[in-house]
Amino acid sequence: MTDRSDFLYPRSRYHGEVKPENVVFNANLQEFAQRVSYICNLETAGKVDTEEAYTQIKVLWKNLRRSKEELGVGQNSFWRKGGDEERD
């Protein structure tokens, strides 16, 4: 069963700053991308209506955005630590 799961839901290694919230968000992002791919393929094959596909992807996007906010990903980036002068 593990081989089938790895095939259907592949996961890539995380290469960013290793913090628990970043790793969790990365996993959520990979799951989002995988599900969007399946929905797009089903819509292209005519198995799912266009509006239904759009609605499903919109729900997935909202869940991903909520996940990002709850985890606090990106709130303490180096751009915000020193103010606007670091952006120049």
Protein backbone atom coordinates (compact mmCIF):
# COMPACT_ATOMS: atom_id res chain seq x y z
CA MET A 1 0.00 0.00 0.00
CA THR A 2 2.87 2.38 0.74
CA ASP A 3 4.27 2.06 -2.79
CA ARG A 4 0.91 2.96 -4.31
CA SER A 5 0.52 5.92 -1.95
CA ASP A 6 4.03 7.16 -2.79
CA PHE A 7 3.22 6.85 -6.48
CA LEU A 8 -0.13 8.64 -6.28
CA TYR A 9 0.96 11.28 -3.77
CA PRO A 10 4.66 11.94 -4.31
CA ARG A 11 6.43 14.23 -1.87
CA SER A 12 9.54 16.22 -2.58
CA ARG A 13 12.18 17.07 -0.05
CA TYR A 14 12.00 20.48 1.65
CA HIS A 15 15.00 22.72 0.89
CA GLY A 16 14.11 25.97 2.69
CA GLU A 17 14.74 27.27 6.19
CA VAL A 18 13.95 24.31 8.43
CA LYS A 19 11.30 25.44 10.88
CA PRO A 20 8.29 23.32 11.81
CA GLU A 21 5.78 25.77 10.32
CA ASN A 22 7.70 25.94 7.03
CA VAL A 23 7.89 22.16 6.72
CA VAL A 24 4.18 21.75 7.49
CA PHE A 25 3.23 24.49 5.02
CA ASN A 26 5.43 22.91 2.37
CA ALA A 27 3.59 19.61 2.84
CA ASN A 28 0.26 21.45 2.55
CA LEU A 29 1.47 23.23 -0.58
CA GLN A 30 2.54 19.96 -2.20
CA GLU A 31 -0.84 18.40 -1.38
CA PHE A 32 -2.59 21.46 -2.85
CA ALA A 33 -0.59 21.18 -6.07
CA GLN A 34 -1.27 17.45 -6.36
CA ARG A 35 -5.01 17.87 -5.84
CA VAL A 36 -5.23 20.76 -8.30
CA SER A 37 -3.44 18.61 -10.86
CA TYR A 38 -5.96 15.78 -10.39
CA ILE A 39 -8.92 18.18 -10.63
CA CYS A 40 -7.52 19.75 -13.80
CA ASN A 41 -6.96 16.35 -15.36
CA LEU A 42 -10.50 15.24 -14.49
CA GLU A 43 -11.92 18.45 -15.95
CA THR A 44 -9.85 18.09 -19.12
CA ALA A 45 -11.09 14.51 -19.53
CA GLY A 46 -14.69 15.68 -19.12
CA LYS A 47 -15.22 13.78 -15.87
CA VAL A 48 -15.81 16.97 -13.84
CA ASP A 49 -17.75 20.04 -14.89
CA THR A 50 -15.72 23.25 -15.32
CA GLU A 51 -17.65 25.10 -12.62
CA GLU A 52 -17.25 22.19 -10.20
CA ALA A 53 -13.51 22.07 -10.87
CA TYR A 54 -13.27 25.82 -10.26
CA THR A 55 -15.23 25.52 -7.01
CA GLN A 56 -13.08 22.65 -5.76
CA ILE A 57 -9.85 24.50 -6.55
CA LYS A 58 -11.18 27.66 -4.89
CA VAL A 59 -11.93 25.70 -1.70
CA LEU A 60 -8.45 24.14 -1.77
CA TRP A 61 -6.90 27.61 -2.23
CA LYS A 62 -8.83 29.02 0.74
CA ASN A 63 -7.67 26.09 2.88
CA LEU A 64 -4.06 26.65 1.81
CA ARG A 65 -4.28 30.37 2.57
CA ARG A 66 -5.83 29.64 6.00
CA SER A 67 -3.04 27.16 6.67
CA LYS A 68 -0.42 29.79 5.82
CA GLU A 69 -2.03 32.35 8.12
CA GLU A 70 -2.47 29.89 11.01
CA LEU A 71 1.12 28.72 10.75
CA GLY A 72 2.43 32.29 10.50
CA VAL A 73 4.52 31.50 7.44
CA GLY A 74 6.16 34.59 5.97
CA GLN A 75 5.28 36.90 8.85
CA ASN A 76 8.84 37.08 10.17
CA SER A 77 10.70 37.27 6.90
CA PHE A 78 14.00 39.16 6.69
CA TRP A 79 12.26 41.86 4.64
CA ARG A 80 10.21 42.91 7.63
CA LYS A 81 12.85 42.66 10.35
CA GLY A 82 14.77 45.80 9.45
CA GLY A 83 12.04 47.79 7.82
CA ASP A 84 11.75 49.04 4.26
CA GLU A 85 15.38 50.08 3.90
CA GLU A 86 16.45 46.45 3.36
CA ARG A 87 14.31 46.16 0.25
CA ASP A 88 16.37 48.68 -1.74
